[in-house]
Amino acid sequence: MKNDAAPDRLSLFGILIRVVVVGVVLLAVAAAGMVLYRMWLGGGVDRAAINPNLSQTQRLYLEYYFSDHAAALELPAGSGSAPLPFTVAPGEGAAVIAENLRAAGLLNDTELFLNYLTYYGLDGGLVAGEYQLDPRWTVPQLAEALGAGGARALELRFLPGWRSEEMANYLRVVRPARIDPDEFLTIVQTQQGLDTGAFSFLGALPAGATLEGYLFPDAYTITPDTDAAALVGMMLANFDRQVTPAMRQGFGAQGVALREALILASIIEKEAALAEEKPLMAAVFLNRVRAGMRLQADPTVQYALGYDGAADTWWPSPLSADDLAVSSPYNTYQVDGLPPGPISNPGLASLQAIAAPAGVDYLFFVLDCAADIAGRHAFSVSYEEHVANVERCR
């Protein structure tokens, strides 16, 4: 007689095994889903941004993977405590970039980084360019900084009173996007590669003149594909916007053309420590020009002297008797009228001061050592008053 119970027991056992396996898989999927859901709530995963081109198998694998590596996404991606320069060359793929990041100490776990990019479909969106990356950033922050999934915005801030070399040095330190500081200087000095026809105010630029003074100091938002020419174009366009038709009419009312106003404003930017004194200084310089007097402005001599390596500054101070005797068309102690060009890139307040100077007859000013506010000047009409102000501080 055949024993049919054994096969039935084996069949039942197989079914039970399958049920258990399926149950384990479902629990694992549920666990992974809960982990990812918690990450999503905490900002670690944006489920709406998951790569829609992932196969079911890929997605399941990556969700399992992140269920085990959720905490790692919130830890520093690299080793170190200071930002480092990093270059992504055109055509480099995600794997090469990840390995270069690891070699630079900016990424410890290349697998985590690459899986993160794949999960969000960002592995083809890393943007070539020059970056400053911090090893203390997380993998998501690192991916965002490299422009994954879109252009990364970066803000540059140029201060009023900087000469073009100081702006280039700032770019050399920050190393933003594709902006080469040497190329920036070349464009400023020669306009090479720049469409000057787009800026009508440059039509009056004398032969051989640079763009010094026209690089409007401000905050500029750039993207990873911004190059030196694009940045200079942005600064010139901003200058055209900021120097309004009303301001240009104001320059005309003072008897100066746009470039002459810019030269005077660039001197005021370096002379004035207090904003309220700028209209007074504008009056002094305009009065001296009308009277045929030399400007005798220290910043023009500083500009003529150039970089002082010993003091590590473009604006050496105090000036010696030899400094004041330097032979240069920018030395307003030695030459009549205005210097041939701006000596800095002035801000809006200095330009507005030339358009609307104070209604005073002052011809002189000197730093007031007895003032209750640092940087305040003593203004005077006569040379005798000026000498008395100078002697009071000796």
Protein backbone atom coordinates (compact mmCIF):
# COMPACT_ATOMS: atom_id res chain seq x y z
CA MET A 1 0.00 0.00 0.00
CA LYS A 2 1.47 3.53 -1.03
CA ASN A 3 2.11 6.14 1.66
CA ASP A 4 0.63 9.44 0.23
CA ALA A 5 1.12 11.39 3.50
CA ALA A 6 4.89 11.97 2.99
CA PRO A 7 4.58 13.86 -0.32
CA ASP A 8 1.76 15.87 1.11
CA ARG A 9 3.92 16.81 4.11
CA LEU A 10 6.84 17.79 1.80
CA SER A 11 4.54 19.87 -0.38
CA LEU A 12 3.14 21.61 2.65
CA PHE A 13 6.66 22.23 3.98
CA GLY A 14 7.68 23.81 0.65
CA ILE A 15 4.70 26.10 0.72
CA LEU A 16 5.51 27.15 4.26
CA ILE A 17 9.11 27.91 3.24
CA ARG A 18 7.90 30.06 0.37
CA VAL A 19 5.50 31.91 2.64
CA VAL A 20 8.28 32.58 5.12
CA VAL A 21 10.65 33.84 2.38
CA VAL A 22 7.98 36.10 0.92
CA GLY A 23 7.17 37.37 4.39
CA VAL A 24 10.82 38.15 5.10
CA VAL A 25 11.13 39.97 1.79
CA LEU A 26 7.98 41.97 2.47
CA LEU A 27 9.20 42.86 5.95
CA ALA A 28 12.56 43.91 4.56
CA VAL A 29 10.90 46.05 1.91
CA ALA A 30 8.63 47.57 4.55
CA ALA A 31 11.61 48.22 6.82
CA ALA A 32 13.54 49.84 3.98
CA GLY A 33 10.51 51.90 3.11
CA MET A 34 10.11 53.05 6.70
CA VAL A 35 13.78 54.01 6.90
CA LEU A 36 13.54 55.94 3.66
CA TYR A 37 10.32 57.54 4.81
CA ARG A 38 12.02 58.71 8.01
CA MET A 39 14.94 60.00 5.92
CA TRP A 40 12.47 61.82 3.68
CA LEU A 41 10.80 63.43 6.71
CA GLY A 42 14.22 64.44 8.00
CA GLY A 43 15.34 65.89 4.69
CA GLY A 44 17.73 63.06 3.75
CA VAL A 45 15.70 61.78 0.79
CA ASP A 46 13.40 63.63 -1.53
CA ARG A 47 11.13 60.84 -2.76
CA ALA A 48 9.60 63.07 -5.41
CA ALA A 49 13.04 63.39 -7.02
CA ILE A 50 13.88 59.67 -7.25
CA ASN A 51 15.16 58.71 -10.69
CA PRO A 52 12.08 57.58 -12.65
CA ASN A 53 14.29 55.59 -15.05
CA LEU A 54 15.40 53.11 -12.39
CA SER A 55 14.24 49.55 -12.93
CA GLN A 56 12.29 47.88 -10.14
CA THR A 57 15.36 45.78 -9.31
CA GLN A 58 17.66 48.84 -9.18
CA ARG A 59 15.24 50.78 -7.05
CA LEU A 60 14.74 47.88 -4.65
CA TYR A 61 18.50 47.37 -4.33
CA LEU A 62 19.17 51.05 -3.66
CA GLU A 63 16.39 51.26 -1.10
CA TYR A 64 17.91 48.26 0.70
CA TYR A 65 21.30 49.94 0.42
CA PHE A 66 20.13 53.23 1.89
CA SER A 67 18.25 51.45 4.67
CA ASP A 68 21.69 50.31 5.86
CA HIS A 69 23.48 53.59 5.09
CA ALA A 70 20.91 56.19 6.13
CA ALA A 71 23.09 57.57 8.91
CA ALA A 72 26.09 57.89 6.59
CA LEU A 73 24.24 60.47 4.49
CA GLU A 74 24.21 62.81 7.48
CA LEU A 75 27.92 62.49 8.28
CA PRO A 76 30.83 64.47 6.77
CA ALA A 77 31.65 63.04 3.37
CA GLY A 78 35.41 63.54 3.64
CA SER A 79 38.29 63.99 6.05
CA GLY A 80 39.61 67.38 7.08
CA SER A 81 38.39 70.68 8.45
CA ALA A 82 39.07 73.25 5.73
CA PRO A 83 37.67 73.87 2.22
CA LEU A 84 39.84 72.73 -0.68
CA PRO A 85 39.97 73.69 -4.35
CA PHE A 86 38.65 71.01 -6.69
CA THR A 87 38.39 70.83 -10.46
CA VAL A 88 35.86 68.91 -12.54
CA ALA A 89 37.22 68.72 -16.07
CA PRO A 90 34.83 68.75 -19.03
CA GLY A 91 33.78 65.21 -19.98
CA GLU A 92 34.66 63.59 -16.65
CA GLY A 93 32.12 60.98 -15.57
CA ALA A 94 30.71 60.44 -12.09
CA ALA A 95 33.05 57.51 -11.32
CA VAL A 96 36.17 59.52 -12.20
CA ILE A 97 34.93 62.53 -10.23
CA ALA A 98 34.19 60.32 -7.22
CA GLU A 99 37.69 58.83 -7.33
CA ASN A 100 39.24 62.30 -7.62
CA LEU A 101 37.18 63.45 -4.64
CA ARG A 102 38.45 60.47 -2.66
CA ALA A 103 42.06 61.21 -3.60
CA ALA A 104 41.62 64.82 -2.48
CA GLY A 105 40.25 63.79 0.92
CA LEU A 106 36.82 65.20 0.12
CA LEU A 107 35.03 61.84 -0.08
CA ASN A 108 35.57 58.71 1.98
CA ASP A 109 32.88 56.44 0.53
CA THR A 110 32.73 56.56 -3.27
CA GLU A 111 30.07 53.83 -3.38
CA LEU A 112 27.72 55.88 -1.18
CA PHE A 113 28.26 58.94 -3.38
CA LEU A 114 27.70 57.09 -6.66
CA ASN A 115 24.62 55.27 -5.35
CA TYR A 116 23.19 58.60 -4.17
CA LEU A 117 23.71 60.07 -7.64
CA THR A 118 22.17 57.03 -9.31
CA TYR A 119 19.16 56.97 -6.98
CA TYR A 120 18.33 60.58 -7.91
CA GLY A 121 19.43 60.37 -11.54
CA LEU A 122 22.20 62.89 -10.94
CA ASP A 123 25.15 60.86 -12.16
CA GLY A 124 25.09 62.65 -15.51
CA GLY A 125 24.51 66.11 -14.06
CA LEU A 126 27.85 66.99 -12.45
CA VAL A 127 29.03 70.30 -13.86
CA ALA A 128 32.60 70.98 -15.00
CA GLY A 129 34.29 73.91 -13.28
CA GLU A 130 36.45 75.15 -10.43
CA TYR A 131 35.06 74.64 -6.92
CA GLN A 132 35.84 75.22 -3.27
CA LEU A 133 34.57 72.08 -1.51
CA ASP A 134 34.41 71.41 2.21
CA PRO A 135 35.18 67.87 3.45
CA ARG A 136 32.74 68.51 6.31
CA TRP A 137 29.83 68.60 3.87
CA THR A 138 27.54 65.56 3.63
CA VAL A 139 27.20 63.50 0.46
CA PRO A 140 23.93 65.30 -0.49
CA GLN A 141 25.60 68.68 0.07
CA LEU A 142 28.62 67.61 -1.96
CA ALA A 143 26.42 66.47 -4.85
CA GLU A 144 24.50 69.75 -4.79
CA ALA A 145 27.71 71.80 -4.65
CA LEU A 146 28.99 70.07 -7.78
CA GLY A 147 25.92 71.23 -9.65
CA ALA A 148 24.23 67.84 -9.79
CA GLY A 149 20.78 68.12 -11.26
CA GLY A 150 21.13 71.77 -12.21
CA ALA A 151 23.32 74.85 -12.14
CA ARG A 152 24.70 75.78 -8.73
CA ALA A 153 24.37 79.45 -7.88
CA LEU A 154 27.28 81.19 -6.18
CA GLU A 155 27.41 84.77 -4.90
CA LEU A 156 30.48 86.97 -5.42
CA ARG A 157 30.89 90.23 -3.52
CA PHE A 158 33.13 93.02 -4.79
CA LEU A 159 33.80 95.92 -2.41
CA PRO A 160 33.66 99.62 -3.40
CA GLY A 161 37.13 101.10 -3.81
CA TRP A 162 38.84 97.95 -5.03
CA ARG A 163 41.08 98.40 -8.05
CA SER A 164 40.86 95.71 -10.72
CA GLU A 165 43.92 93.86 -9.39
CA GLU A 166 42.24 93.51 -6.00
CA MET A 167 39.15 92.11 -7.68
CA ALA A 168 41.33 89.60 -9.54
CA ASN A 169 43.02 88.60 -6.29
CA TYR A 170 39.62 87.99 -4.72
CA LEU A 171 38.74 85.73 -7.66
CA ARG A 172 42.08 83.96 -7.24
CA VAL A 173 41.22 83.16 -3.61
CA VAL A 174 37.59 82.17 -4.20
CA ARG A 175 38.20 80.37 -7.54
CA PRO A 176 34.54 80.52 -8.61
CA ALA A 177 33.03 78.67 -11.59
CA ARG A 178 35.14 78.97 -14.77
CA ILE A 179 36.43 82.46 -13.97
CA ASP A 180 40.18 82.71 -14.52
CA PRO A 181 41.54 85.73 -12.60
CA ASP A 182 44.30 86.37 -15.15
CA GLU A 183 41.77 86.29 -17.98
CA PHE A 184 39.60 88.68 -15.96
CA LEU A 185 42.49 91.16 -15.73
CA THR A 186 43.31 90.79 -19.44
CA ILE A 187 39.72 91.61 -20.38
CA VAL A 188 39.70 94.63 -18.04
CA GLN A 189 42.99 95.93 -19.45
CA THR A 190 42.42 95.20 -23.15
CA GLN A 191 38.67 94.43 -23.61
CA GLN A 192 39.84 91.33 -25.49
CA GLY A 193 36.95 88.91 -26.07
CA LEU A 194 34.37 91.41 -24.79
CA ASP A 195 31.51 92.78 -26.89
CA THR A 196 32.04 96.45 -26.00
CA GLY A 197 29.36 97.44 -28.52
CA ALA A 198 26.76 96.18 -26.04
CA PHE A 199 27.64 99.05 -23.70
CA SER A 200 27.14 102.46 -25.29
CA PHE A 201 28.91 104.30 -22.45
CA LEU A 202 32.18 102.63 -23.48
CA GLY A 203 32.04 104.45 -26.81
CA ALA A 204 33.82 107.43 -25.22
CA LEU A 205 36.59 105.25 -23.77
CA PRO A 206 39.97 106.75 -24.84
CA ALA A 207 42.32 104.59 -26.90
CA GLY A 208 44.32 102.28 -24.64
CA ALA A 209 42.08 102.89 -21.62
CA THR A 210 41.11 100.05 -19.32
CA LEU A 211 37.74 99.23 -17.75
CA GLU A 212 38.98 100.39 -14.35
CA GLY A 213 36.16 102.28 -12.66
CA TYR A 214 33.37 100.71 -14.70
CA LEU A 215 33.39 97.38 -12.80
CA PHE A 216 30.48 98.18 -10.52
CA PRO A 217 31.13 96.84 -6.99
CA ASP A 218 28.18 94.75 -5.89
CA ALA A 219 27.00 91.18 -5.16
CA TYR A 220 26.78 88.99 -8.28
CA THR A 221 25.11 85.59 -8.54
CA ILE A 222 26.90 83.30 -10.97
CA THR A 223 26.50 79.70 -12.14
CA PRO A 224 29.18 77.04 -12.74
CA ASP A 225 29.46 77.92 -16.42
CA THR A 226 30.17 81.63 -15.80
CA ASP A 227 33.53 82.67 -17.25
CA ALA A 228 35.59 85.86 -16.93
CA ALA A 229 34.02 87.57 -19.94
CA ALA A 230 30.52 86.87 -18.64
CA LEU A 231 31.40 88.29 -15.21
CA VAL A 232 32.86 91.48 -16.70
CA GLY A 233 29.72 91.80 -18.84
CA MET A 234 27.52 91.47 -15.75
CA MET A 235 29.50 94.19 -13.95
CA LEU A 236 29.31 96.58 -16.90
CA ALA A 237 25.57 95.98 -17.33
CA ASN A 238 25.08 96.68 -13.63
CA PHE A 239 27.07 99.91 -13.96
CA ASP A 240 24.76 100.98 -16.80
CA ARG A 241 21.70 100.29 -14.62
CA GLN A 242 23.00 101.92 -11.45
CA VAL A 243 24.24 105.10 -13.11
CA THR A 244 20.77 106.32 -14.01
CA PRO A 245 19.86 108.97 -16.61
CA ALA A 246 19.10 111.36 -13.73
CA MET A 247 22.59 110.86 -12.33
CA ARG A 248 24.14 111.45 -15.73
CA GLN A 249 22.15 114.67 -16.01
CA GLY A 250 23.55 115.60 -12.60
CA PHE A 251 27.08 115.07 -13.89
CA GLY A 252 26.33 117.34 -16.82
CA ALA A 253 24.96 120.01 -14.49
CA GLN A 254 28.34 119.99 -12.72
CA GLY A 255 30.13 120.43 -16.02
CA VAL A 256 31.71 116.98 -16.14
CA ALA A 257 31.25 114.10 -18.56
CA LEU A 258 30.52 110.55 -17.41
CA ARG A 259 34.17 109.47 -17.46
CA GLU A 260 35.30 112.61 -15.62
CA ALA A 261 32.62 112.01 -12.98
CA LEU A 262 33.82 108.42 -12.66
CA ILE A 263 37.43 109.55 -12.15
CA LEU A 264 36.42 111.97 -9.39
CA ALA A 265 34.12 109.40 -7.74
CA SER A 266 36.96 106.85 -7.73
CA ILE A 267 39.14 109.32 -5.79
CA ILE A 268 36.36 110.10 -3.30
CA GLU A 269 35.83 106.37 -2.74
CA LYS A 270 39.40 106.11 -1.42
CA GLU A 271 39.41 109.43 0.47
CA ALA A 272 36.13 109.25 2.38
CA ALA A 273 35.71 107.06 5.43
CA LEU A 274 32.30 108.54 6.24
CA ALA A 275 29.45 108.47 3.74
CA GLU A 276 28.14 111.89 4.84
CA GLU A 277 31.44 113.51 3.84
CA LYS A 278 31.33 112.34 0.24
CA PRO A 279 29.19 115.27 -1.04
CA LEU A 280 31.58 117.66 0.75
CA MET A 281 34.62 116.04 -0.90
CA ALA A 282 32.85 116.12 -4.24
CA ALA A 283 32.38 119.86 -3.80
CA VAL A 284 36.07 120.32 -2.92
CA PHE A 285 37.33 118.50 -6.00
CA LEU A 286 34.82 120.12 -8.36
CA ASN A 287 35.68 123.57 -6.92
CA ARG A 288 39.40 122.90 -7.42
CA VAL A 289 38.84 121.77 -11.03
CA ARG A 290 36.86 124.92 -11.78
CA ALA A 291 39.53 127.08 -10.13
CA GLY A 292 42.29 125.43 -12.14
CA MET A 293 43.92 124.03 -9.01
CA ARG A 294 45.68 120.68 -8.83
CA LEU A 295 43.65 118.01 -7.04
CA GLN A 296 46.56 116.96 -4.79
CA ALA A 297 44.82 113.73 -3.77
CA ASP A 298 46.89 111.08 -2.00
CA PRO A 299 44.98 108.09 -3.48
CA THR A 300 46.09 109.06 -6.99
CA VAL A 301 49.70 108.79 -5.86
CA GLN A 302 48.98 105.44 -4.20
CA TYR A 303 47.52 104.22 -7.47
CA ALA A 304 50.61 105.41 -9.34
CA LEU A 305 52.94 103.62 -6.90
CA GLY A 306 51.16 100.30 -7.35
CA TYR A 307 51.58 97.25 -5.16
CA ASP A 308 53.74 97.60 -2.03
CA GLY A 309 55.19 94.14 -1.45
CA ALA A 310 56.68 94.96 1.94
CA ALA A 311 53.35 96.20 3.30
CA ASP A 312 51.31 93.75 1.19
CA THR A 313 48.94 96.45 -0.03
CA TRP A 314 47.92 98.31 -3.18
CA TRP A 315 47.37 101.46 -1.11
CA PRO A 316 50.61 102.26 0.80
CA SER A 317 50.31 104.79 3.62
CA PRO A 318 51.64 107.14 4.85
CA LEU A 319 53.21 108.66 1.74
CA SER A 320 56.74 110.03 1.85
CA ALA A 321 58.08 113.14 0.13
CA ASP A 322 59.66 110.86 -2.49
CA ASP A 323 56.28 109.17 -3.04
CA LEU A 324 54.61 112.53 -3.64
CA ALA A 325 57.27 113.36 -6.23
CA VAL A 326 56.81 110.16 -8.26
CA SER A 327 56.64 110.81 -12.00
CA SER A 328 53.24 109.61 -13.22
CA PRO A 329 50.24 111.08 -15.04
CA TYR A 330 48.25 109.83 -12.04
CA ASN A 331 50.23 111.95 -9.55
CA THR A 332 47.83 114.85 -9.03
CA TYR A 333 50.45 116.66 -6.94
CA GLN A 334 52.57 116.95 -10.07
CA VAL A 335 50.07 117.21 -12.96
CA ASP A 336 47.21 119.57 -13.68
CA GLY A 337 43.62 118.49 -14.07
CA LEU A 338 42.28 114.98 -13.72
CA PRO A 339 44.34 111.79 -13.93
CA PRO A 340 43.89 109.86 -17.19
CA GLY A 341 41.48 107.34 -15.69
CA PRO A 342 39.70 106.12 -12.55
CA ILE A 343 41.92 104.83 -9.74
CA SER A 344 39.36 102.46 -8.25
CA ASN A 345 35.88 101.11 -8.87
CA PRO A 346 33.58 103.44 -6.91
CA GLY A 347 30.28 102.55 -5.31
CA LEU A 348 26.93 104.23 -5.84
CA ALA A 349 27.25 106.80 -3.00
CA SER A 350 30.48 108.23 -4.41
CA LEU A 351 28.94 108.55 -7.88
CA GLN A 352 25.83 110.20 -6.43
CA ALA A 353 28.05 112.69 -4.60
CA ILE A 354 29.47 113.94 -7.91
CA ALA A 355 25.96 114.25 -9.35
CA ALA A 356 24.76 116.19 -6.29
CA PRO A 357 27.70 117.74 -4.40
CA ALA A 358 27.28 119.85 -1.28
CA GLY A 359 26.67 123.55 -1.92
CA VAL A 360 29.86 124.77 -0.24
CA ASP A 361 32.94 126.76 -1.27
CA TYR A 362 35.48 124.47 0.36
CA LEU A 363 38.79 123.98 -1.45
CA PHE A 364 40.72 121.96 1.15
CA PHE A 365 40.29 119.14 3.62
CA VAL A 366 42.55 117.18 5.94
CA LEU A 367 42.00 114.37 8.44
CA ASP A 368 40.82 115.86 11.74
CA CYS A 369 42.82 114.22 14.52
CA ALA A 370 40.68 115.91 17.19
CA ALA A 371 37.34 114.68 15.83
CA ASP A 372 35.13 112.55 18.03
CA ILE A 373 34.48 110.20 15.09
CA ALA A 374 37.40 108.36 13.47
CA GLY A 375 37.88 109.26 9.82
CA ARG A 376 36.25 112.69 10.01
CA HIS A 377 37.91 115.51 8.05
CA ALA A 378 38.30 119.26 8.63
CA PHE A 379 37.18 121.31 5.61
CA SER A 380 38.23 124.85 4.81
CA VAL A 381 37.88 127.57 2.16
CA SER A 382 41.22 129.35 2.54
CA TYR A 383 44.73 127.98 2.45
CA GLU A 384 45.45 129.68 5.80
CA GLU A 385 42.60 127.76 7.45
CA HIS A 386 43.87 124.56 5.89
CA VAL A 387 47.39 125.11 7.21
CA ALA A 388 45.98 125.74 10.69
CA ASN A 389 44.03 122.46 10.50
CA VAL A 390 47.16 120.62 9.42
CA GLU A 391 49.30 122.17 12.19
CA ARG A 392 46.73 121.31 14.82
CA CYS A 393 47.36 117.61 14.18
CA ARG A 394 51.16 117.71 14.17
